[in-house]
Protein backbone atom coordinates (compact mmCIF):
# COMPACT_ATOMS: atom_id res chain seq x y z
CA MET A 1 0.00 0.00 0.00
CA SER A 2 2.82 2.38 0.87
CA GLN A 3 4.35 1.78 -2.54
CA THR A 4 1.15 2.73 -4.36
CA GLN A 5 0.83 5.87 -2.29
CA ARG A 6 4.41 6.81 -3.07
CA SER A 7 3.86 6.35 -6.78
CA ARG A 8 0.68 8.42 -6.56
CA LYS A 9 2.53 11.21 -4.78
CA LYS A 10 5.21 11.20 -7.46
CA LEU A 11 2.58 11.56 -10.15
CA SER A 12 0.91 14.35 -8.25
CA GLU A 13 4.21 16.16 -7.75
CA PRO A 14 5.83 17.62 -10.88
CA PRO A 15 9.05 15.74 -11.58
CA SER A 16 12.31 17.68 -11.87
CA TRP A 17 12.62 16.81 -15.57
CA THR A 18 9.33 18.64 -16.18
CA LYS A 19 11.15 21.92 -15.60
CA TYR A 20 13.55 21.07 -18.40
CA PHE A 21 10.72 20.25 -20.75
CA SER A 22 8.97 23.46 -19.79
CA ASN A 23 12.04 25.39 -20.82
CA TRP A 24 12.00 23.67 -24.17
């Protein structure tokens, strides 16, 4: 259960690579 929650949180939170893509 903790794993699923973690994955969900990651999806909810904008990954660091998103910033790079945003710059593009």
